[in-house]
């Protein structure tokens, strides 16, 4: 069990330990954010499951997922997420130039750097991260290139990192 974690009534401690063990198996470490969340035993089980879904079980390719995560992190000024995901993004095939474009890119810059599918994904990320809405026409276009499960996974990914941003900023990580 992690330090500073106090038992909570009605929480199956084996589920908490399983979430922690799964995190170590999947990521090789316990991040500062996960340590913080582990202070709320009911939340750590759900947090661990959703993190695993987004990172491992989602229908999005690693490259598309990391495009979405980094773009969301840059748009929402989540330096913690950028630092955690930069190595993952590079391993997924993004280049330093791609990352710079995600950080600074307006649509014309993004169009020069990324495929049509990736541009569609990034436009959706911008809409979701900044406006929390996805126009029906954009959703329909995503359904064609990602399929409906992929569109749902993209929305879940952006929403997940918006939520994580609230925790990161709320606790000044």
N, C-alpha and C. Protein backbone atom coordinates (compact mmCIF):
# COMPACT_ATOMS: atom_id res chain seq x y z
N UNK A 1 0.84 -1.18 0.00
CA UNK A 1 0.00 0.00 0.00
C UNK A 1 0.89 1.24 0.00
N UNK A 2 0.46 2.29 -0.68
CA UNK A 2 1.23 3.52 -0.74
C UNK A 2 1.16 4.25 0.60
N UNK A 3 2.18 5.04 0.87
CA UNK A 3 2.19 5.84 2.08
C UNK A 3 1.06 6.86 2.05
N UNK A 4 0.64 7.30 3.20
CA UNK A 4 -0.39 8.33 3.36
C UNK A 4 -1.76 7.89 2.86
N UNK A 5 -1.94 6.61 2.59
CA UNK A 5 -3.25 6.11 2.19
C UNK A 5 -3.89 5.52 3.42
N UNK A 6 -5.04 6.04 3.77
CA UNK A 6 -5.73 5.56 4.95
C UNK A 6 -6.95 4.77 4.52
N UNK A 7 -7.20 3.63 5.17
CA UNK A 7 -8.36 2.81 4.79
C UNK A 7 -9.66 3.61 4.88
N UNK A 8 -10.54 3.34 3.93
CA UNK A 8 -11.86 3.96 3.89
C UNK A 8 -12.88 2.86 4.09
N UNK A 9 -13.90 3.12 4.85
CA UNK A 9 -14.95 2.11 5.05
C UNK A 9 -15.55 1.73 3.71
N UNK A 10 -15.95 0.48 3.62
CA UNK A 10 -16.65 -0.04 2.45
C UNK A 10 -15.80 -0.10 1.18
N UNK A 11 -14.51 0.03 1.30
CA UNK A 11 -13.64 -0.10 0.13
C UNK A 11 -12.87 -1.41 0.27
N UNK A 12 -12.99 -2.24 -0.73
CA UNK A 12 -12.29 -3.51 -0.74
C UNK A 12 -10.80 -3.23 -0.96
N UNK A 13 -9.99 -3.43 0.07
CA UNK A 13 -8.57 -3.12 -0.01
C UNK A 13 -7.85 -3.93 -1.08
N UNK A 14 -8.37 -5.10 -1.40
CA UNK A 14 -7.74 -5.88 -2.47
C UNK A 14 -7.93 -5.20 -3.82
N UNK A 15 -9.05 -4.48 -4.01
CA UNK A 15 -9.25 -3.72 -5.26
C UNK A 15 -8.29 -2.54 -5.34
N UNK A 16 -8.07 -1.88 -4.21
CA UNK A 16 -7.12 -0.76 -4.17
C UNK A 16 -5.72 -1.28 -4.51
N UNK A 17 -5.32 -2.36 -3.86
CA UNK A 17 -3.98 -2.90 -4.11
C UNK A 17 -3.87 -3.39 -5.54
N UNK A 18 -4.92 -3.97 -6.08
CA UNK A 18 -4.90 -4.42 -7.48
C UNK A 18 -4.73 -3.24 -8.43
N UNK A 19 -5.38 -2.11 -8.13
CA UNK A 19 -5.23 -0.92 -8.97
C UNK A 19 -3.79 -0.41 -8.93
N UNK A 20 -3.19 -0.41 -7.77
CA UNK A 20 -1.81 0.03 -7.62
C UNK A 20 -0.87 -0.94 -8.34
N UNK A 21 -1.08 -2.24 -8.15
CA UNK A 21 -0.24 -3.23 -8.81
C UNK A 21 -0.37 -3.15 -10.33
N UNK A 22 -1.59 -2.93 -10.83
CA UNK A 22 -1.80 -2.81 -12.28
C UNK A 22 -1.09 -1.58 -12.82
N UNK A 23 -1.11 -0.50 -12.07
CA UNK A 23 -0.44 0.73 -12.50
C UNK A 23 1.06 0.48 -12.65
N UNK A 24 1.65 -0.18 -11.69
CA UNK A 24 3.08 -0.49 -11.76
C UNK A 24 3.36 -1.42 -12.94
N UNK A 25 2.50 -2.41 -13.16
CA UNK A 25 2.70 -3.34 -14.27
C UNK A 25 2.59 -2.62 -15.62
N UNK A 26 1.64 -1.70 -15.74
CA UNK A 26 1.41 -0.99 -17.02
C UNK A 26 2.44 0.10 -17.28
N UNK A 27 2.81 0.84 -16.25
CA UNK A 27 3.66 2.02 -16.44
C UNK A 27 5.04 1.89 -15.83
N UNK A 28 5.24 0.90 -14.99
CA UNK A 28 6.55 0.71 -14.39
C UNK A 28 6.82 1.61 -13.20
N UNK A 29 5.85 2.42 -12.84
CA UNK A 29 6.05 3.35 -11.73
C UNK A 29 4.70 3.88 -11.25
N UNK A 30 4.76 4.57 -10.15
CA UNK A 30 3.59 5.27 -9.62
C UNK A 30 3.89 6.76 -9.74
N UNK A 31 3.13 7.44 -10.59
CA UNK A 31 3.35 8.88 -10.81
C UNK A 31 2.89 9.69 -9.61
N UNK A 32 3.31 10.93 -9.58
CA UNK A 32 2.90 11.85 -8.52
C UNK A 32 1.37 12.01 -8.51
N UNK A 33 0.79 12.07 -9.70
CA UNK A 33 -0.67 12.19 -9.80
C UNK A 33 -1.35 10.95 -9.22
N UNK A 34 -0.87 9.77 -9.58
CA UNK A 34 -1.46 8.53 -9.07
C UNK A 34 -1.28 8.44 -7.56
N UNK A 35 -0.15 8.88 -7.06
CA UNK A 35 0.06 8.90 -5.60
C UNK A 35 -0.98 9.79 -4.93
N UNK A 36 -1.23 10.94 -5.53
CA UNK A 36 -2.23 11.85 -4.98
C UNK A 36 -3.61 11.19 -4.97
N UNK A 37 -4.02 10.62 -6.10
CA UNK A 37 -5.33 9.98 -6.22
C UNK A 37 -5.44 8.80 -5.25
N UNK A 38 -4.33 8.13 -4.98
CA UNK A 38 -4.39 6.97 -4.09
C UNK A 38 -4.78 7.36 -2.66
N UNK A 39 -4.74 8.64 -2.36
CA UNK A 39 -5.22 9.11 -1.06
C UNK A 39 -6.73 9.03 -0.92
N UNK A 40 -7.41 8.70 -2.00
CA UNK A 40 -8.87 8.50 -1.99
C UNK A 40 -9.11 7.12 -2.58
N UNK A 41 -9.24 6.15 -1.70
CA UNK A 41 -9.23 4.75 -2.14
C UNK A 41 -10.34 4.39 -3.11
N UNK A 42 -11.50 4.95 -2.94
CA UNK A 42 -12.58 4.66 -3.90
C UNK A 42 -12.23 5.21 -5.28
N UNK A 43 -11.64 6.39 -5.30
CA UNK A 43 -11.30 7.03 -6.57
C UNK A 43 -10.14 6.34 -7.28
N UNK A 44 -9.17 5.82 -6.54
CA UNK A 44 -7.99 5.24 -7.18
C UNK A 44 -8.34 4.03 -8.03
N UNK A 45 -9.32 3.27 -7.63
CA UNK A 45 -9.72 2.10 -8.40
C UNK A 45 -10.29 2.54 -9.75
N UNK A 46 -11.18 3.51 -9.72
CA UNK A 46 -11.80 4.01 -10.95
C UNK A 46 -10.77 4.77 -11.80
N UNK A 47 -9.95 5.59 -11.16
CA UNK A 47 -8.92 6.34 -11.87
C UNK A 47 -7.97 5.39 -12.59
N UNK A 48 -7.55 4.35 -11.88
CA UNK A 48 -6.65 3.38 -12.49
C UNK A 48 -7.27 2.68 -13.68
N UNK A 49 -8.54 2.32 -13.56
CA UNK A 49 -9.22 1.63 -14.66
C UNK A 49 -9.37 2.55 -15.87
N UNK A 50 -9.74 3.79 -15.65
CA UNK A 50 -9.92 4.71 -16.79
C UNK A 50 -8.59 5.06 -17.42
N UNK A 51 -7.57 5.27 -16.62
CA UNK A 51 -6.23 5.54 -17.16
C UNK A 51 -5.77 4.39 -18.05
N UNK A 52 -6.00 3.19 -17.57
CA UNK A 52 -5.61 2.00 -18.33
C UNK A 52 -6.40 1.92 -19.63
N UNK A 53 -7.69 2.20 -19.56
CA UNK A 53 -8.51 2.16 -20.77
C UNK A 53 -7.98 3.15 -21.81
N UNK A 54 -7.77 4.37 -21.40
CA UNK A 54 -7.32 5.41 -22.34
C UNK A 54 -5.96 5.03 -22.93
N UNK A 55 -5.05 4.58 -22.12
CA UNK A 55 -3.68 4.35 -22.57
C UNK A 55 -3.49 3.02 -23.28
N UNK A 56 -4.23 1.98 -22.89
CA UNK A 56 -3.94 0.64 -23.39
C UNK A 56 -5.09 0.02 -24.18
N UNK A 57 -6.31 0.23 -23.75
CA UNK A 57 -7.43 -0.50 -24.33
C UNK A 57 -8.22 0.29 -25.36
N UNK A 58 -8.04 1.57 -25.45
CA UNK A 58 -8.75 2.41 -26.40
C UNK A 58 -8.52 1.94 -27.83
N UNK A 59 -9.46 2.23 -28.70
CA UNK A 59 -9.33 1.86 -30.11
C UNK A 59 -8.40 2.80 -30.88
N UNK A 60 -8.01 3.91 -30.28
CA UNK A 60 -7.12 4.86 -30.95
C UNK A 60 -5.71 4.28 -31.05
N UNK A 61 -5.05 4.55 -32.16
CA UNK A 61 -3.64 4.17 -32.26
C UNK A 61 -2.84 5.00 -31.25
N UNK A 62 -1.67 4.53 -30.90
CA UNK A 62 -0.82 5.26 -29.95
C UNK A 62 -0.52 6.66 -30.48
N UNK A 63 -0.26 6.77 -31.76
CA UNK A 63 0.06 8.09 -32.34
C UNK A 63 -1.13 9.05 -32.23
N UNK A 64 -2.32 8.59 -32.61
CA UNK A 64 -3.50 9.45 -32.54
C UNK A 64 -3.79 9.82 -31.09
N UNK A 65 -3.68 8.85 -30.20
CA UNK A 65 -3.93 9.12 -28.77
C UNK A 65 -2.97 10.19 -28.26
N UNK A 66 -1.69 10.05 -28.58
CA UNK A 66 -0.71 11.01 -28.07
C UNK A 66 -0.83 12.38 -28.74
N UNK A 67 -1.25 12.41 -30.01
CA UNK A 67 -1.57 13.70 -30.63
C UNK A 67 -2.66 14.39 -29.81
N UNK A 68 -3.70 13.63 -29.47
CA UNK A 68 -4.82 14.19 -28.71
C UNK A 68 -4.40 14.62 -27.31
N UNK A 69 -3.62 13.77 -26.65
CA UNK A 69 -3.20 14.10 -25.27
C UNK A 69 -2.31 15.34 -25.26
N UNK A 70 -1.30 15.37 -26.12
CA UNK A 70 -0.40 16.52 -26.10
C UNK A 70 -1.09 17.80 -26.53
N UNK A 71 -1.93 17.73 -27.57
CA UNK A 71 -2.64 18.94 -28.00
C UNK A 71 -3.54 19.45 -26.88
N UNK A 72 -4.25 18.55 -26.21
CA UNK A 72 -5.09 18.95 -25.08
C UNK A 72 -4.23 19.58 -23.99
N UNK A 73 -3.12 18.95 -23.67
CA UNK A 73 -2.24 19.47 -22.62
C UNK A 73 -1.69 20.85 -22.97
N UNK A 74 -1.32 21.04 -24.23
CA UNK A 74 -0.82 22.36 -24.64
C UNK A 74 -1.93 23.41 -24.58
N UNK A 75 -3.11 23.06 -25.08
CA UNK A 75 -4.22 24.02 -25.08
C UNK A 75 -4.64 24.41 -23.68
N UNK A 76 -4.57 23.48 -22.74
CA UNK A 76 -5.02 23.73 -21.38
C UNK A 76 -3.88 24.07 -20.42
N UNK A 77 -2.67 24.22 -20.97
CA UNK A 77 -1.49 24.60 -20.18
C UNK A 77 -1.23 23.61 -19.04
N UNK A 78 -1.15 22.33 -19.42
CA UNK A 78 -0.93 21.26 -18.44
C UNK A 78 0.50 20.73 -18.59
N UNK A 79 1.44 21.48 -18.04
CA UNK A 79 2.86 21.14 -18.17
C UNK A 79 3.15 19.74 -17.61
N UNK A 80 2.48 19.38 -16.53
CA UNK A 80 2.68 18.04 -15.95
C UNK A 80 2.37 16.96 -16.99
N UNK A 81 1.24 17.09 -17.68
CA UNK A 81 0.86 16.09 -18.69
C UNK A 81 1.84 16.08 -19.85
N UNK A 82 2.30 17.25 -20.25
CA UNK A 82 3.28 17.32 -21.34
C UNK A 82 4.54 16.57 -20.93
N UNK A 83 5.02 16.82 -19.73
CA UNK A 83 6.27 16.17 -19.31
C UNK A 83 6.10 14.66 -19.20
N UNK A 84 4.94 14.20 -18.78
CA UNK A 84 4.70 12.76 -18.66
C UNK A 84 4.50 12.10 -20.01
N UNK A 85 3.88 12.82 -20.96
CA UNK A 85 3.52 12.20 -22.23
C UNK A 85 4.51 12.44 -23.36
N UNK A 86 5.42 13.35 -23.20
CA UNK A 86 6.39 13.60 -24.27
C UNK A 86 7.17 12.34 -24.65
N UNK A 87 7.73 11.60 -23.70
CA UNK A 87 8.45 10.37 -24.09
C UNK A 87 7.53 9.34 -24.73
N UNK A 88 6.31 9.26 -24.26
CA UNK A 88 5.34 8.32 -24.83
C UNK A 88 5.02 8.71 -26.26
N UNK A 89 4.83 10.00 -26.50
CA UNK A 89 4.52 10.50 -27.84
C UNK A 89 5.68 10.24 -28.80
N UNK A 90 6.89 10.48 -28.35
CA UNK A 90 8.05 10.22 -29.21
C UNK A 90 8.16 8.74 -29.53
N UNK A 91 7.89 7.90 -28.55
CA UNK A 91 7.91 6.45 -28.79
C UNK A 91 6.80 6.02 -29.75
N UNK A 92 5.71 6.80 -29.80
CA UNK A 92 4.59 6.49 -30.69
C UNK A 92 4.81 7.03 -32.10
N UNK A 93 5.97 7.65 -32.33
CA UNK A 93 6.30 8.10 -33.68
C UNK A 93 6.23 9.58 -33.94
N UNK A 94 5.84 10.37 -32.95
CA UNK A 94 5.86 11.81 -33.15
C UNK A 94 7.31 12.29 -33.09
N UNK A 95 7.59 13.36 -33.80
CA UNK A 95 8.92 13.94 -33.80
C UNK A 95 8.92 15.21 -32.95
N UNK A 96 10.10 15.73 -32.68
CA UNK A 96 10.20 17.00 -31.97
C UNK A 96 9.49 18.11 -32.74
N UNK A 97 9.56 18.05 -34.07
CA UNK A 97 8.89 19.04 -34.91
C UNK A 97 7.37 18.91 -34.80
N UNK A 98 6.89 17.67 -34.74
CA UNK A 98 5.45 17.45 -34.53
C UNK A 98 5.00 18.07 -33.21
N UNK A 99 5.78 17.84 -32.18
CA UNK A 99 5.45 18.35 -30.85
C UNK A 99 5.44 19.88 -30.86
N UNK A 100 6.41 20.48 -31.52
CA UNK A 100 6.45 21.95 -31.62
C UNK A 100 5.21 22.46 -32.35
N UNK A 101 4.80 21.77 -33.40
CA UNK A 101 3.60 22.17 -34.14
C UNK A 101 2.36 22.05 -33.25
N UNK A 102 2.29 20.99 -32.45
CA UNK A 102 1.14 20.84 -31.54
C UNK A 102 1.12 21.95 -30.51
N UNK A 103 2.29 22.36 -30.06
CA UNK A 103 2.40 23.41 -29.04
C UNK A 103 1.99 24.76 -29.62
N UNK A 104 2.48 25.08 -30.79
CA UNK A 104 2.35 26.43 -31.33
C UNK A 104 1.40 26.53 -32.51
N UNK A 105 0.93 25.39 -32.98
CA UNK A 105 0.28 25.35 -34.27
C UNK A 105 -1.13 25.87 -34.35
N UNK A 106 -1.33 26.72 -35.31
CA UNK A 106 -2.65 27.11 -35.76
C UNK A 106 -2.98 26.19 -36.92
N UNK A 107 -4.24 26.13 -37.35
CA UNK A 107 -4.60 25.20 -38.42
C UNK A 107 -3.70 25.20 -39.66
N UNK A 108 -3.23 26.35 -40.17
CA UNK A 108 -2.35 26.27 -41.35
C UNK A 108 -1.04 25.52 -41.07
N UNK A 109 -0.47 25.71 -39.89
CA UNK A 109 0.77 25.02 -39.52
C UNK A 109 0.49 23.54 -39.36
N UNK A 110 -0.61 23.22 -38.72
CA UNK A 110 -0.97 21.83 -38.51
C UNK A 110 -1.21 21.12 -39.84
N UNK A 111 -1.78 21.83 -40.81
CA UNK A 111 -2.07 21.23 -42.12
C UNK A 111 -0.78 20.85 -42.84
N UNK A 112 0.27 21.62 -42.63
CA UNK A 112 1.55 21.32 -43.27
C UNK A 112 2.23 20.11 -42.64
N UNK A 113 1.94 19.84 -41.41
CA UNK A 113 2.69 18.86 -40.63
C UNK A 113 2.00 17.50 -40.55
N UNK A 114 0.66 17.49 -40.55
CA UNK A 114 -0.06 16.27 -40.23
C UNK A 114 -0.95 15.80 -41.38
N UNK A 115 -1.24 14.51 -41.38
CA UNK A 115 -2.10 13.92 -42.41
C UNK A 115 -3.52 14.47 -42.29
N UNK A 116 -4.33 14.21 -43.29
CA UNK A 116 -5.73 14.67 -43.25
C UNK A 116 -6.47 14.08 -42.06
N UNK A 117 -6.25 12.80 -41.79
CA UNK A 117 -6.90 12.16 -40.64
C UNK A 117 -6.44 12.84 -39.35
N UNK A 118 -5.14 13.06 -39.22
CA UNK A 118 -4.61 13.70 -38.01
C UNK A 118 -5.13 15.13 -37.87
N UNK A 119 -5.27 15.84 -38.98
CA UNK A 119 -5.83 17.19 -38.93
C UNK A 119 -7.28 17.17 -38.44
N UNK A 120 -8.03 16.18 -38.90
CA UNK A 120 -9.42 16.04 -38.46
C UNK A 120 -9.46 15.78 -36.95
N UNK A 121 -8.59 14.91 -36.49
CA UNK A 121 -8.51 14.60 -35.06
C UNK A 121 -8.12 15.86 -34.28
N UNK A 122 -7.13 16.59 -34.75
CA UNK A 122 -6.68 17.78 -34.02
C UNK A 122 -7.74 18.87 -34.00
N UNK A 123 -8.49 19.02 -35.08
CA UNK A 123 -9.58 20.00 -35.08
C UNK A 123 -10.64 19.61 -34.05
N UNK A 124 -10.91 18.32 -33.93
CA UNK A 124 -11.86 17.84 -32.93
C UNK A 124 -11.32 18.07 -31.52
N UNK A 125 -10.03 17.81 -31.32
CA UNK A 125 -9.42 18.04 -30.01
C UNK A 125 -9.56 19.52 -29.64
N UNK A 126 -9.26 20.41 -30.57
CA UNK A 126 -9.39 21.84 -30.29
C UNK A 126 -10.82 22.18 -29.88
N UNK A 127 -11.80 21.65 -30.62
CA UNK A 127 -13.20 21.93 -30.33
C UNK A 127 -13.59 21.39 -28.95
N UNK A 128 -13.17 20.19 -28.65
CA UNK A 128 -13.53 19.58 -27.37
C UNK A 128 -12.78 20.21 -26.19
N UNK A 129 -11.50 20.45 -26.35
CA UNK A 129 -10.69 20.97 -25.24
C UNK A 129 -11.08 22.41 -24.91
N UNK A 130 -11.33 23.19 -25.95
CA UNK A 130 -11.61 24.61 -25.72
C UNK A 130 -13.10 24.93 -25.62
N UNK A 131 -13.91 24.26 -26.42
CA UNK A 131 -15.33 24.58 -26.44
C UNK A 131 -16.24 23.54 -25.85
N UNK A 132 -15.68 22.37 -25.55
CA UNK A 132 -16.43 21.26 -24.96
C UNK A 132 -17.59 20.81 -25.83
N UNK A 133 -17.50 21.07 -27.12
CA UNK A 133 -18.56 20.69 -28.06
C UNK A 133 -17.93 20.12 -29.32
N UNK A 134 -18.65 19.21 -29.95
CA UNK A 134 -18.21 18.64 -31.22
C UNK A 134 -19.38 18.75 -32.18
N UNK A 135 -19.23 19.56 -33.19
CA UNK A 135 -20.30 19.76 -34.17
C UNK A 135 -20.63 18.42 -34.85
N UNK A 136 -21.88 18.27 -35.23
CA UNK A 136 -22.32 17.02 -35.86
C UNK A 136 -21.51 16.72 -37.12
N UNK A 137 -21.18 17.74 -37.89
CA UNK A 137 -20.41 17.52 -39.12
C UNK A 137 -19.00 17.00 -38.80
N UNK A 138 -18.39 17.50 -37.75
CA UNK A 138 -17.06 17.03 -37.36
C UNK A 138 -17.16 15.61 -36.81
N UNK A 139 -18.17 15.35 -36.01
CA UNK A 139 -18.39 14.00 -35.47
C UNK A 139 -18.59 13.00 -36.61
N UNK A 140 -19.39 13.38 -37.59
CA UNK A 140 -19.62 12.49 -38.73
C UNK A 140 -18.33 12.23 -39.50
N UNK A 141 -17.51 13.26 -39.67
CA UNK A 141 -16.22 13.09 -40.36
C UNK A 141 -15.30 12.17 -39.57
N UNK A 142 -15.29 12.33 -38.25
CA UNK A 142 -14.47 11.44 -37.41
C UNK A 142 -14.95 10.00 -37.49
N UNK A 143 -16.26 9.83 -37.52
CA UNK A 143 -16.81 8.47 -37.62
C UNK A 143 -16.31 7.76 -38.87
N UNK A 144 -16.09 8.52 -39.94
CA UNK A 144 -15.60 7.93 -41.19
C UNK A 144 -14.14 7.51 -41.03
N UNK A 145 -13.32 8.35 -40.42
CA UNK A 145 -11.88 8.05 -40.35
C UNK A 145 -11.47 7.24 -39.13
N UNK A 146 -12.25 7.34 -38.05
CA UNK A 146 -11.90 6.62 -36.82
C UNK A 146 -12.89 5.51 -36.48
N UNK A 147 -14.05 5.51 -37.09
CA UNK A 147 -15.22 4.69 -36.74
C UNK A 147 -15.89 5.30 -35.50
N UNK A 148 -17.10 4.92 -35.24
CA UNK A 148 -17.81 5.47 -34.07
C UNK A 148 -17.09 5.16 -32.76
N UNK A 149 -16.62 3.91 -32.53
CA UNK A 149 -15.86 3.68 -31.29
C UNK A 149 -14.63 4.59 -31.18
N UNK A 150 -13.95 4.85 -32.28
CA UNK A 150 -12.80 5.73 -32.24
C UNK A 150 -13.18 7.16 -31.89
N UNK A 151 -14.30 7.62 -32.43
CA UNK A 151 -14.78 8.96 -32.10
C UNK A 151 -15.12 9.05 -30.62
N UNK A 152 -15.77 8.03 -30.11
CA UNK A 152 -16.08 8.00 -28.68
C UNK A 152 -14.79 7.99 -27.87
N UNK A 153 -13.82 7.18 -28.28
CA UNK A 153 -12.54 7.13 -27.55
C UNK A 153 -11.81 8.47 -27.60
N UNK A 154 -11.89 9.17 -28.72
CA UNK A 154 -11.26 10.48 -28.80
C UNK A 154 -11.93 11.44 -27.82
N UNK A 155 -13.25 11.45 -27.79
CA UNK A 155 -13.97 12.31 -26.84
C UNK A 155 -13.62 11.95 -25.39
N UNK A 156 -13.56 10.65 -25.11
CA UNK A 156 -13.18 10.21 -23.76
C UNK A 156 -11.75 10.65 -23.41
N UNK A 157 -10.85 10.56 -24.37
CA UNK A 157 -9.46 10.93 -24.12
C UNK A 157 -9.33 12.41 -23.80
N UNK A 158 -9.94 13.25 -24.62
CA UNK A 158 -9.86 14.70 -24.36
C UNK A 158 -10.55 15.02 -23.04
N UNK A 159 -11.72 14.45 -22.82
CA UNK A 159 -12.43 14.69 -21.56
C UNK A 159 -11.64 14.22 -20.35
N UNK A 160 -10.98 13.07 -20.49
CA UNK A 160 -10.17 12.53 -19.39
C UNK A 160 -9.04 13.49 -19.04
N UNK A 161 -8.38 14.04 -20.04
CA UNK A 161 -7.27 14.95 -19.74
C UNK A 161 -7.76 16.32 -19.28
N UNK A 162 -8.96 16.71 -19.65
CA UNK A 162 -9.55 17.93 -19.05
C UNK A 162 -9.77 17.68 -17.55
N UNK A 163 -10.31 16.51 -17.21
CA UNK A 163 -10.53 16.15 -15.81
C UNK A 163 -9.21 16.09 -15.05
N UNK A 164 -8.23 15.41 -15.63
CA UNK A 164 -6.92 15.33 -14.99
C UNK A 164 -6.34 16.73 -14.78
N UNK A 165 -6.57 17.62 -15.74
CA UNK A 165 -6.11 19.00 -15.60
C UNK A 165 -6.69 19.68 -14.37
N UNK A 166 -7.95 19.40 -14.08
CA UNK A 166 -8.56 19.98 -12.87
C UNK A 166 -7.85 19.49 -11.62
N UNK A 167 -7.51 18.22 -11.58
CA UNK A 167 -6.81 17.66 -10.42
C UNK A 167 -5.39 18.22 -10.34
N UNK A 168 -4.70 18.21 -11.47
CA UNK A 168 -3.32 18.73 -11.50
C UNK A 168 -3.28 20.18 -11.04
N UNK A 169 -4.16 21.00 -11.59
CA UNK A 169 -4.17 22.42 -11.23
C UNK A 169 -4.71 22.64 -9.83
N UNK A 170 -5.68 21.82 -9.44
CA UNK A 170 -6.25 21.96 -8.09
C UNK A 170 -5.25 21.65 -6.99
N UNK A 171 -4.31 20.75 -7.30
CA UNK A 171 -3.29 20.36 -6.31
C UNK A 171 -1.89 20.84 -6.68
N UNK A 172 -1.84 21.69 -7.70
CA UNK A 172 -0.59 22.34 -8.13
C UNK A 172 0.54 21.34 -8.38
N UNK A 173 0.23 20.29 -9.13
CA UNK A 173 1.28 19.33 -9.50
C UNK A 173 2.10 19.87 -10.66
